[in-house]
Amino acid sequence: MTGIGKRNMDDIINNLPEAIRQLIEGKPYETDDMGRSGSQVRIYDDAVLKIEKEQPKLAQMVEIMRWLDGKLPAPKVLATEVKDGYRYLLMSKVKGRMAVDEYYLNRPEELTTLLAEALKMLWSIDISDCPKTLDLSAELEAAKDLVEHGQVNMNNAEPETFGEGGFKDPAELLQWLYDNRPETDPVFAHGDFCLPNIFFEDGKVSGFIDLGDAGIADRWYDVALGYRSLKRNVNGTFGKVYEGVDPDELFRKLGIEPDWGKIRYYILLDELFC
């Protein structure tokens, strides 16, 4: 997604909704450009302001965040407003360090234990009145739109996904995904369970962020993306190799046998959104 340009952002910041301006005006902040959302994120001592072009998904995220209040350590909605086509979301700041912090990458036993605990916390939430379901049919339709408009970045995919031994192109992968839809085991899912979105503090899970894709989904959806994120962050994909980290330890900590079919399916689905 194309990010917000500096000139546009200056105009947007100067045009903050009054309710949000009153809460943050004059406070020091840092800008966070991590992630692929195309949003502007400003981090304050006790709050985070996220500004993004308005779309239905953002309104759903606000609804989910409010629904999660008291159920999960996640940001609380402090104020939100849509103005001139942009969603302004001011939320509380979660405590702790990202799971991708060097402290945890150098402590594989603690890292995998806490990642497993994070998944169990998500799965323990009663989904009977959850306001959102991650509909696989809708996900495939969204992927189809990206494929048809040539918007899949094959360079961001796993090396084995396309080319020799893999799929010829995104269209062939998409057809495979349609033909091999798995049965689902519904739980509450984060929807983007990767290490930068999970926070730890004092040996406990302290927070979950970026909940735009959260909702009811297959149990293996988060497991697949979490497993891939752990693997990528320790095997040199991002430049540094961390010795002694076995991604398969995550399954042992969860007390489950890996369903490699579903893991592969959900990773391949996500490849079309890279």
C-alpha atoms as a PDB file:
ATOM      1  CA  MET A   1       0.000   0.000   0.000  1.00  0.00           C
ATOM      2  CA  THR A   2       1.294   3.450  -0.862  1.00  0.00           C
ATOM      3  CA  GLY A   3       2.212   5.421   2.223  1.00  0.00           C
ATOM      4  CA  ILE A   4       1.067   8.924   3.083  1.00  0.00           C
ATOM      5  CA  GLY A   5       3.458  11.478   1.594  1.00  0.00           C
ATOM      6  CA  LYS A   6       5.244  13.978   3.836  1.00  0.00           C
ATOM      7  CA  ARG A   7       3.408  16.970   2.420  1.00  0.00           C
ATOM      8  CA  ASN A   8       0.053  15.265   2.804  1.00  0.00           C
ATOM      9  CA  MET A   9       0.951  14.213   6.343  1.00  0.00           C
ATOM     10  CA  ASP A  10       1.884  17.747   7.341  1.00  0.00           C
ATOM     11  CA  ASP A  11      -1.535  18.895   6.137  1.00  0.00           C
ATOM     12  CA  ILE A  12      -3.284  16.004   7.915  1.00  0.00           C
ATOM     13  CA  ILE A  13      -1.491  16.633  11.206  1.00  0.00           C
ATOM     14  CA  ASN A  14      -2.309  20.334  11.018  1.00  0.00           C
ATOM     15  CA  ASN A  15      -5.953  19.372  10.556  1.00  0.00           C
ATOM     16  CA  LEU A  16      -6.287  16.983  13.519  1.00  0.00           C
ATOM     17  CA  PRO A  17      -9.798  16.428  14.881  1.00  0.00           C
ATOM     18  CA  GLU A  18     -10.190  18.651  17.930  1.00  0.00           C
ATOM     19  CA  ALA A  19     -10.993  15.768  20.298  1.00  0.00           C
ATOM     20  CA  ILE A  20      -7.667  14.132  19.437  1.00  0.00           C
ATOM     21  CA  ARG A  21      -5.680  17.365  19.349  1.00  0.00           C
ATOM     22  CA  GLN A  22      -6.674  18.119  22.936  1.00  0.00           C
ATOM     23  CA  LEU A  23      -5.254  14.786  24.094  1.00  0.00           C
ATOM     24  CA  ILE A  24      -1.842  14.967  22.378  1.00  0.00           C
ATOM     25  CA  GLU A  25      -1.015  18.587  21.581  1.00  0.00           C
ATOM     26  CA  GLY A  26       2.455  19.549  22.755  1.00  0.00           C
ATOM     27  CA  LYS A  27       3.458  16.026  23.756  1.00  0.00           C
ATOM     28  CA  PRO A  28       6.758  14.603  22.430  1.00  0.00           C
ATOM     29  CA  TYR A  29       6.525  11.653  20.054  1.00  0.00           C
ATOM     30  CA  GLU A  30       8.445   9.365  17.751  1.00  0.00           C
ATOM     31  CA  THR A  31       7.409   8.291  14.264  1.00  0.00           C
ATOM     32  CA  ASP A  32       7.162   4.555  13.574  1.00  0.00           C
ATOM     33  CA  ASP A  33       7.440   3.457   9.940  1.00  0.00           C
ATOM     34  CA  MET A  34       7.583  -0.313  10.640  1.00  0.00           C
ATOM     35  CA  GLY A  35       4.984  -2.382   8.813  1.00  0.00           C
ATOM     36  CA  ARG A  36       3.251  -2.333   5.433  1.00  0.00           C
ATOM     37  CA  SER A  37      -0.041  -0.609   6.183  1.00  0.00           C
ATOM     38  CA  GLY A  38       0.832   2.720   4.566  1.00  0.00           C
ATOM     39  CA  SER A  39      -0.314   4.504   7.718  1.00  0.00           C
ATOM     40  CA  GLN A  40       1.348   7.235   9.729  1.00  0.00           C
ATOM     41  CA  VAL A  41       2.059   6.176  13.313  1.00  0.00           C
ATOM     42  CA  ARG A  42       3.118   8.520  16.090  1.00  0.00           C
ATOM     43  CA  ILE A  43       4.207   7.016  19.391  1.00  0.00           C
ATOM     44  CA  TYR A  44       3.802   9.061  22.578  1.00  0.00           C
ATOM     45  CA  ASP A  45       4.809   8.136  26.128  1.00  0.00           C
ATOM     46  CA  ASP A  46       1.400   6.653  26.915  1.00  0.00           C
ATOM     47  CA  ALA A  47      -0.484   6.585  23.613  1.00  0.00           C
ATOM     48  CA  VAL A  48      -0.207   5.811  19.906  1.00  0.00           C
ATOM     49  CA  LEU A  49      -1.820   7.826  17.110  1.00  0.00           C
ATOM     50  CA  LYS A  50      -2.463   5.998  13.857  1.00  0.00           C
ATOM     51  CA  ILE A  51      -3.638   7.870  10.770  1.00  0.00           C
ATOM     52  CA  GLU A  52      -4.707   6.045   7.636  1.00  0.00           C
ATOM     53  CA  LYS A  53      -7.009   6.526   4.687  1.00  0.00           C
ATOM     54  CA  GLU A  54     -10.456   5.439   5.823  1.00  0.00           C
ATOM     55  CA  GLN A  55     -11.724   2.036   4.714  1.00  0.00           C
ATOM     56  CA  PRO A  56     -14.282  -0.410   6.146  1.00  0.00           C
ATOM     57  CA  LYS A  57     -11.521  -2.545   7.641  1.00  0.00           C
ATOM     58  CA  LEU A  58     -10.486   0.284   9.988  1.00  0.00           C
ATOM     59  CA  ALA A  59     -13.977   0.720  11.408  1.00  0.00           C
ATOM     60  CA  GLN A  60     -14.054  -3.052  12.019  1.00  0.00           C
ATOM     61  CA  MET A  61     -10.700  -2.831  13.803  1.00  0.00           C
ATOM     62  CA  VAL A  62     -12.038  -0.174  16.164  1.00  0.00           C
ATOM     63  CA  GLU A  63     -15.076  -2.373  16.857  1.00  0.00           C
ATOM     64  CA  ILE A  64     -12.845  -5.380  17.595  1.00  0.00           C
ATOM     65  CA  MET A  65     -10.574  -3.326  19.867  1.00  0.00           C
ATOM     66  CA  ARG A  66     -13.547  -2.153  21.888  1.00  0.00           C
ATOM     67  CA  TRP A  67     -14.925  -5.693  22.048  1.00  0.00           C
ATOM     68  CA  LEU A  68     -11.554  -6.962  23.310  1.00  0.00           C
ATOM     69  CA  ASP A  69     -11.449  -4.479  26.186  1.00  0.00           C
ATOM     70  CA  GLY A  70     -11.091  -6.597  29.321  1.00  0.00           C
ATOM     71  CA  LYS A  71     -10.577  -9.798  27.336  1.00  0.00           C
ATOM     72  CA  LEU A  72      -7.021  -9.342  26.103  1.00  0.00           C
ATOM     73  CA  PRO A  73      -4.052  -7.042  26.804  1.00  0.00           C
ATOM     74  CA  ALA A  74      -4.533  -4.854  23.761  1.00  0.00           C
ATOM     75  CA  PRO A  75      -4.651  -1.109  23.108  1.00  0.00           C
ATOM     76  CA  LYS A  76      -7.748   0.703  24.351  1.00  0.00           C
ATOM     77  CA  VAL A  77      -9.474   3.155  22.016  1.00  0.00           C
ATOM     78  CA  LEU A  78      -8.976   6.608  23.549  1.00  0.00           C
ATOM     79  CA  ALA A  79     -10.493   8.557  20.666  1.00  0.00           C
ATOM     80  CA  THR A  80     -11.242   7.968  17.001  1.00  0.00           C
ATOM     81  CA  GLU A  81     -12.686  10.083  14.247  1.00  0.00           C
ATOM     82  CA  VAL A  82     -12.917  10.208  10.467  1.00  0.00           C
ATOM     83  CA  LYS A  83     -12.082  13.550   8.887  1.00  0.00           C
ATOM     84  CA  ASP A  84     -11.508  14.457   5.245  1.00  0.00           C
ATOM     85  CA  GLY A  85     -11.229  10.797   4.269  1.00  0.00           C
ATOM     86  CA  TYR A  86      -8.748   9.813   6.979  1.00  0.00           C
ATOM     87  CA  ARG A  87      -9.247   7.685  10.080  1.00  0.00           C
ATOM     88  CA  TYR A  88      -7.574   9.082  13.192  1.00  0.00           C
ATOM     89  CA  LEU A  89      -7.200   6.470  15.920  1.00  0.00           C
ATOM     90  CA  LEU A  90      -5.671   7.368  19.264  1.00  0.00           C
ATOM     91  CA  MET A  91      -5.120   4.347  21.474  1.00  0.00           C
ATOM     92  CA  SER A  92      -3.315   3.447  24.653  1.00  0.00           C
ATOM     93  CA  LYS A  93       0.238   2.177  24.364  1.00  0.00           C
ATOM     94  CA  VAL A  94       0.974  -1.420  25.304  1.00  0.00           C
ATOM     95  CA  LYS A  95       3.829  -2.100  27.680  1.00  0.00           C
ATOM     96  CA  GLY A  96       6.903  -4.209  27.147  1.00  0.00           C
ATOM     97  CA  ARG A  97       9.174  -5.183  24.279  1.00  0.00           C
ATOM     98  CA  MET A  98       8.277  -6.657  20.914  1.00  0.00           C
ATOM     99  CA  ALA A  99       8.820 -10.394  20.586  1.00  0.00           C
ATOM    100  CA  VAL A 100      11.283  -9.515  17.814  1.00  0.00           C
ATOM    101  CA  ASP A 101      13.489  -7.628  20.284  1.00  0.00           C
ATOM    102  CA  GLU A 102      17.081  -8.922  20.450  1.00  0.00           C
ATOM    103  CA  TYR A 103      16.548  -9.746  24.111  1.00  0.00           C
ATOM    104  CA  TYR A 104      14.045 -12.466  23.173  1.00  0.00           C
ATOM    105  CA  LEU A 105      15.713 -13.605  19.954  1.00  0.00           C
ATOM    106  CA  ASN A 106      18.764 -14.389  22.087  1.00  0.00           C
ATOM    107  CA  ARG A 107      16.608 -16.309  24.596  1.00  0.00           C
ATOM    108  CA  PRO A 108      14.841 -18.962  22.491  1.00  0.00           C
ATOM    109  CA  GLU A 109      13.401 -20.887  25.434  1.00  0.00           C
ATOM    110  CA  GLU A 110      11.673 -17.795  26.812  1.00  0.00           C
ATOM    111  CA  LEU A 111      10.636 -16.609  23.352  1.00  0.00           C
ATOM    112  CA  THR A 112       8.905 -19.817  22.285  1.00  0.00           C
ATOM    113  CA  THR A 113       7.285 -20.244  25.697  1.00  0.00           C
ATOM    114  CA  LEU A 114       5.771 -16.751  25.542  1.00  0.00           C
ATOM    115  CA  LEU A 115       4.681 -17.081  21.910  1.00  0.00           C
ATOM    116  CA  ALA A 116       2.836 -20.268  22.817  1.00  0.00           C
ATOM    117  CA  GLU A 117       1.257 -18.473  25.782  1.00  0.00           C
ATOM    118  CA  ALA A 118       0.158 -15.657  23.468  1.00  0.00           C
ATOM    119  CA  LEU A 119      -1.600 -18.109  21.162  1.00  0.00           C
ATOM    120  CA  LYS A 120      -3.313 -19.820  24.090  1.00  0.00           C
ATOM    121  CA  MET A 121      -4.553 -16.428  25.334  1.00  0.00           C
ATOM    122  CA  LEU A 122      -6.134 -15.723  21.953  1.00  0.00           C
ATOM    123  CA  TRP A 123      -7.738 -19.171  21.795  1.00  0.00           C
ATOM    124  CA  SER A 124      -9.195 -18.812  25.298  1.00  0.00           C
ATOM    125  CA  ILE A 125     -11.453 -15.912  24.272  1.00  0.00           C
ATOM    126  CA  ASP A 126     -15.160 -16.734  23.985  1.00  0.00           C
ATOM    127  CA  ILE A 127     -16.068 -16.120  20.333  1.00  0.00           C
ATOM    128  CA  SER A 128     -19.836 -16.512  20.721  1.00  0.00           C
ATOM    129  CA  ASP A 129     -20.447 -12.760  20.281  1.00  0.00           C
ATOM    130  CA  CYS A 130     -17.309 -11.817  18.346  1.00  0.00           C
ATOM    131  CA  PRO A 131     -18.272  -9.074  15.860  1.00  0.00           C
ATOM    132  CA  LYS A 132     -15.990 -10.223  13.044  1.00  0.00           C
ATOM    133  CA  THR A 133     -15.179 -13.404  11.184  1.00  0.00           C
ATOM    134  CA  LEU A 134     -12.197 -13.778   8.873  1.00  0.00           C
ATOM    135  CA  ASP A 135     -14.164 -15.250   5.986  1.00  0.00           C
ATOM    136  CA  LEU A 136     -11.853 -17.400   3.856  1.00  0.00           C
ATOM    137  CA  SER A 137     -14.064 -16.844   0.811  1.00  0.00           C
ATOM    138  CA  ALA A 138     -13.657 -13.093   1.238  1.00  0.00           C
ATOM    139  CA  GLU A 139      -9.912 -13.504   1.709  1.00  0.00           C
ATOM    140  CA  LEU A 140      -9.662 -15.450  -1.525  1.00  0.00           C
ATOM    141  CA  GLU A 141     -11.742 -12.849  -3.361  1.00  0.00           C
ATOM    142  CA  ALA A 142      -9.436 -10.103  -2.063  1.00  0.00           C
ATOM    143  CA  ALA A 143      -6.435 -12.129  -3.209  1.00  0.00           C
ATOM    144  CA  LYS A 144      -8.082 -12.621  -6.602  1.00  0.00           C
ATOM    145  CA  ASP A 145      -8.450  -8.866  -6.991  1.00  0.00           C
ATOM    146  CA  LEU A 146      -4.749  -8.370  -6.264  1.00  0.00           C
ATOM    147  CA  VAL A 147      -3.765 -11.104  -8.730  1.00  0.00           C
ATOM    148  CA  GLU A 148      -5.983  -9.743 -11.498  1.00  0.00           C
ATOM    149  CA  HIS A 149      -4.558  -6.247 -11.053  1.00  0.00           C
ATOM    150  CA  GLY A 150      -0.940  -7.431 -10.960  1.00  0.00           C
ATOM    151  CA  GLN A 151      -0.437  -6.227  -7.396  1.00  0.00           C
ATOM    152  CA  VAL A 152       1.261  -9.306  -5.917  1.00  0.00           C
ATOM    153  CA  ASN A 153       4.914  -8.627  -5.147  1.00  0.00           C
ATOM    154  CA  MET A 154       6.572 -11.950  -5.897  1.00  0.00           C
ATOM    155  CA  ASN A 155       9.902 -10.636  -4.588  1.00  0.00           C
ATOM    156  CA  ASN A 156       8.485 -10.642  -1.039  1.00  0.00           C
ATOM    157  CA  ALA A 157       7.421 -14.286  -1.237  1.00  0.00           C
ATOM    158  CA  GLU A 158       9.297 -17.228   0.213  1.00  0.00           C
ATOM    159  CA  PRO A 159      12.029 -18.382  -2.234  1.00  0.00           C
ATOM    160  CA  GLU A 160      10.286 -21.710  -2.895  1.00  0.00           C
ATOM    161  CA  THR A 161       6.825 -20.281  -3.592  1.00  0.00           C
ATOM    162  CA  PHE A 162       7.319 -19.296  -7.226  1.00  0.00           C
ATOM    163  CA  GLY A 163       9.606 -20.639  -9.926  1.00  0.00           C
ATOM    164  CA  GLU A 164      11.259 -24.042 -10.192  1.00  0.00           C
ATOM    165  CA  GLY A 165       9.549 -26.488  -7.858  1.00  0.00           C
ATOM    166  CA  GLY A 166       6.896 -23.936  -6.955  1.00  0.00           C
ATOM    167  CA  PHE A 167       3.993 -22.164  -8.635  1.00  0.00           C
ATOM    168  CA  LYS A 168       4.359 -20.645 -12.073  1.00  0.00           C
ATOM    169  CA  ASP A 169       2.798 -17.353 -11.038  1.00  0.00           C
ATOM    170  CA  PRO A 170       0.292 -15.841  -8.559  1.00  0.00           C
ATOM    171  CA  ALA A 171      -2.648 -16.930 -10.709  1.00  0.00           C
ATOM    172  CA  GLU A 172      -1.637 -20.589 -10.457  1.00  0.00           C
ATOM    173  CA  LEU A 173      -1.182 -20.238  -6.700  1.00  0.00           C
ATOM    174  CA  LEU A 174      -4.598 -18.624  -6.367  1.00  0.00           C
ATOM    175  CA  GLN A 175      -6.255 -21.485  -8.210  1.00  0.00           C
ATOM    176  CA  TRP A 176      -4.488 -23.971  -5.937  1.00  0.00           C
ATOM    177  CA  LEU A 177      -5.816 -22.104  -2.888  1.00  0.00           C
ATOM    178  CA  TYR A 178      -9.369 -22.293  -4.259  1.00  0.00           C
ATOM    179  CA  ASP A 179      -8.990 -25.995  -4.990  1.00  0.00           C
ATOM    180  CA  ASN A 180      -7.512 -26.898  -1.582  1.00  0.00           C
ATOM    181  CA  ARG A 181      -9.577 -24.970   0.959  1.00  0.00           C
ATOM    182  CA  PRO A 182      -9.192 -26.631   4.371  1.00  0.00           C
ATOM    183  CA  GLU A 183     -11.791 -27.376   7.015  1.00  0.00           C
ATOM    184  CA  THR A 184     -11.631 -24.842   9.820  1.00  0.00           C
ATOM    185  CA  ASP A 185     -11.303 -25.086  13.595  1.00  0.00           C
ATOM    186  CA  PRO A 186     -12.671 -21.658  14.624  1.00  0.00           C
ATOM    187  CA  VAL A 187     -11.020 -19.685  17.434  1.00  0.00           C
ATOM    188  CA  PHE A 188     -10.288 -16.028  18.057  1.00  0.00           C
ATOM    189  CA  ALA A 189      -7.304 -15.145  15.865  1.00  0.00           C
ATOM    190  CA  HIS A 190      -5.034 -12.134  15.740  1.00  0.00           C
ATOM    191  CA  GLY A 191      -4.916 -12.366  11.944  1.00  0.00           C
ATOM    192  CA  ASP A 192      -1.335 -11.095  11.686  1.00  0.00           C
ATOM    193  CA  PHE A 193       0.415 -13.077  14.396  1.00  0.00           C
ATOM    194  CA  CYS A 194       3.993 -12.026  13.725  1.00  0.00           C
ATOM    195  CA  LEU A 195       6.713 -11.160  16.221  1.00  0.00           C
ATOM    196  CA  PRO A 196       6.522  -7.327  15.913  1.00  0.00           C
ATOM    197  CA  ASN A 197       2.836  -7.474  16.901  1.00  0.00           C
ATOM    198  CA  ILE A 198       3.331  -9.335  20.202  1.00  0.00           C
ATOM    199  CA  PHE A 199       4.759  -7.692  23.332  1.00  0.00           C
ATOM    200  CA  PHE A 200       6.264  -9.263  26.451  1.00  0.00           C
ATOM    201  CA  GLU A 201       7.203  -7.863  29.858  1.00  0.00           C
ATOM    202  CA  ASP A 202       8.425  -9.474  33.083  1.00  0.00           C
ATOM    203  CA  GLY A 203       8.052 -12.992  31.726  1.00  0.00           C
ATOM    204  CA  LYS A 204       4.455 -12.477  30.586  1.00  0.00           C
ATOM    205  CA  VAL A 205       2.537 -11.545  27.437  1.00  0.00           C
ATOM    206  CA  SER A 206       1.878  -7.815  27.877  1.00  0.00           C
ATOM    207  CA  GLY A 207       0.112  -6.828  24.677  1.00  0.00           C
ATOM    208  CA  PHE A 208      -1.078  -7.405  21.119  1.00  0.00           C
ATOM    209  CA  ILE A 209      -1.067  -4.634  18.501  1.00  0.00           C
ATOM    210  CA  ASP A 210      -2.182  -4.178  14.860  1.00  0.00           C
ATOM    211  CA  LEU A 211      -5.541  -5.898  15.283  1.00  0.00           C
ATOM    212  CA  GLY A 212      -6.966  -4.899  11.902  1.00  0.00           C
ATOM    213  CA  ASP A 213      -7.244  -8.542  10.807  1.00  0.00           C
ATOM    214  CA  ALA A 214      -8.430  -9.950  14.140  1.00  0.00           C
ATOM    215  CA  GLY A 215     -11.581 -12.031  14.393  1.00  0.00           C
ATOM    216  CA  ILE A 216     -12.833 -15.609  14.226  1.00  0.00           C
ATOM    217  CA  ALA A 217     -10.600 -17.785  12.063  1.00  0.00           C
ATOM    218  CA  ASP A 218      -9.035 -21.221  11.847  1.00  0.00           C
ATOM    219  CA  ARG A 219      -6.742 -22.050  14.777  1.00  0.00           C
ATOM    220  CA  TRP A 220      -3.932 -22.746  12.322  1.00  0.00           C
ATOM    221  CA  TYR A 221      -4.104 -19.313  10.703  1.00  0.00           C
ATOM    222  CA  ASP A 222      -2.170 -17.648  13.527  1.00  0.00           C
ATOM    223  CA  VAL A 223       0.040 -20.688  14.068  1.00  0.00           C
ATOM    224  CA  ALA A 224       1.146 -20.593  10.418  1.00  0.00           C
ATOM    225  CA  LEU A 225       1.980 -16.894  10.364  1.00  0.00           C
ATOM    226  CA  GLY A 226       3.624 -17.065  13.788  1.00  0.00           C
ATOM    227  CA  TYR A 227       5.758 -20.032  12.770  1.00  0.00           C
ATOM    228  CA  ARG A 228       6.859 -18.267   9.579  1.00  0.00           C
ATOM    229  CA  SER A 229       7.625 -15.034  11.450  1.00  0.00           C
ATOM    230  CA  LEU A 230       9.702 -16.864  14.039  1.00  0.00           C
ATOM    231  CA  LYS A 231      11.572 -18.753  11.336  1.00  0.00           C
ATOM    232  CA  ARG A 232      12.281 -15.621   9.291  1.00  0.00           C
ATOM    233  CA  ASN A 233      13.495 -13.634  12.245  1.00  0.00           C
ATOM    234  CA  VAL A 234      16.115 -16.189  13.267  1.00  0.00           C
ATOM    235  CA  ASN A 235      17.323 -17.727   9.992  1.00  0.00           C
ATOM    236  CA  GLY A 236      18.951 -14.661   8.431  1.00  0.00           C
ATOM    237  CA  THR A 237      16.039 -13.531   6.257  1.00  0.00           C
ATOM    238  CA  PHE A 238      16.353 -10.072   7.836  1.00  0.00           C
ATOM    239  CA  GLY A 239      20.134 -10.090   7.950  1.00  0.00           C
ATOM    240  CA  LYS A 240      21.107 -11.842  11.184  1.00  0.00           C
ATOM    241  CA  VAL A 241      21.138 -15.500  12.182  1.00  0.00           C
ATOM    242  CA  TYR A 242      20.255 -16.375  15.776  1.00  0.00           C
ATOM    243  CA  GLU A 243      21.756 -19.681  16.866  1.00  0.00           C
ATOM    244  CA  GLY A 244      19.876 -22.160  18.998  1.00  0.00           C
ATOM    245  CA  VAL A 245      16.350 -21.131  17.970  1.00  0.00           C
ATOM    246  CA  ASP A 246      14.233 -24.050  16.759  1.00  0.00           C
ATOM    247  CA  PRO A 247      10.902 -22.793  15.345  1.00  0.00           C
ATOM    248  CA  ASP A 248       9.441 -26.307  15.781  1.00  0.00           C
ATOM    249  CA  GLU A 249       9.750 -25.789  19.533  1.00  0.00           C
ATOM    250  CA  LEU A 250       6.613 -23.656  19.246  1.00  0.00           C
ATOM    251  CA  PHE A 251       4.527 -26.788  18.601  1.00  0.00           C
ATOM    252  CA  ARG A 252       6.020 -28.580  21.579  1.00  0.00           C
ATOM    253  CA  LYS A 253       5.229 -25.611  23.811  1.00  0.00           C
ATOM    254  CA  LEU A 254       1.652 -25.644  22.503  1.00  0.00           C
ATOM    255  CA  GLY A 255       1.385 -29.392  23.055  1.00  0.00           C
ATOM    256  CA  ILE A 256       0.169 -30.025  19.488  1.00  0.00           C
ATOM    257  CA  GLU A 257       1.359 -31.893  16.440  1.00  0.00           C
ATOM    258  CA  PRO A 258       1.935 -29.532  13.499  1.00  0.00           C
ATOM    259  CA  ASP A 259      -0.646 -29.674  10.724  1.00  0.00           C
ATOM    260  CA  TRP A 260       1.790 -28.954   7.899  1.00  0.00           C
ATOM    261  CA  GLY A 261      -0.974 -28.951   5.308  1.00  0.00           C
ATOM    262  CA  LYS A 262      -2.802 -26.077   6.973  1.00  0.00           C
ATOM    263  CA  ILE A 263       0.421 -24.285   7.846  1.00  0.00           C
ATOM    264  CA  ARG A 264       1.478 -24.348   4.211  1.00  0.00           C
ATOM    265  CA  TYR A 265      -1.987 -23.283   3.047  1.00  0.00           C
ATOM    266  CA  TYR A 266      -2.189 -20.161   5.215  1.00  0.00           C
ATOM    267  CA  ILE A 267       1.394 -19.134   4.498  1.00  0.00           C
ATOM    268  CA  LEU A 268       0.731 -19.454   0.766  1.00  0.00           C
ATOM    269  CA  LEU A 269      -2.482 -17.454   1.114  1.00  0.00           C
ATOM    270  CA  ASP A 270      -0.566 -14.680   2.841  1.00  0.00           C
ATOM    271  CA  GLU A 271       2.035 -14.678   0.048  1.00  0.00           C
ATOM    272  CA  LEU A 272      -0.576 -13.092  -2.232  1.00  0.00           C
ATOM    273  CA  PHE A 273      -0.921 -10.146   0.158  1.00  0.00           C
ATOM    274  CA  CYS A 274       2.819  -9.366   0.322  1.00  0.00           C
END
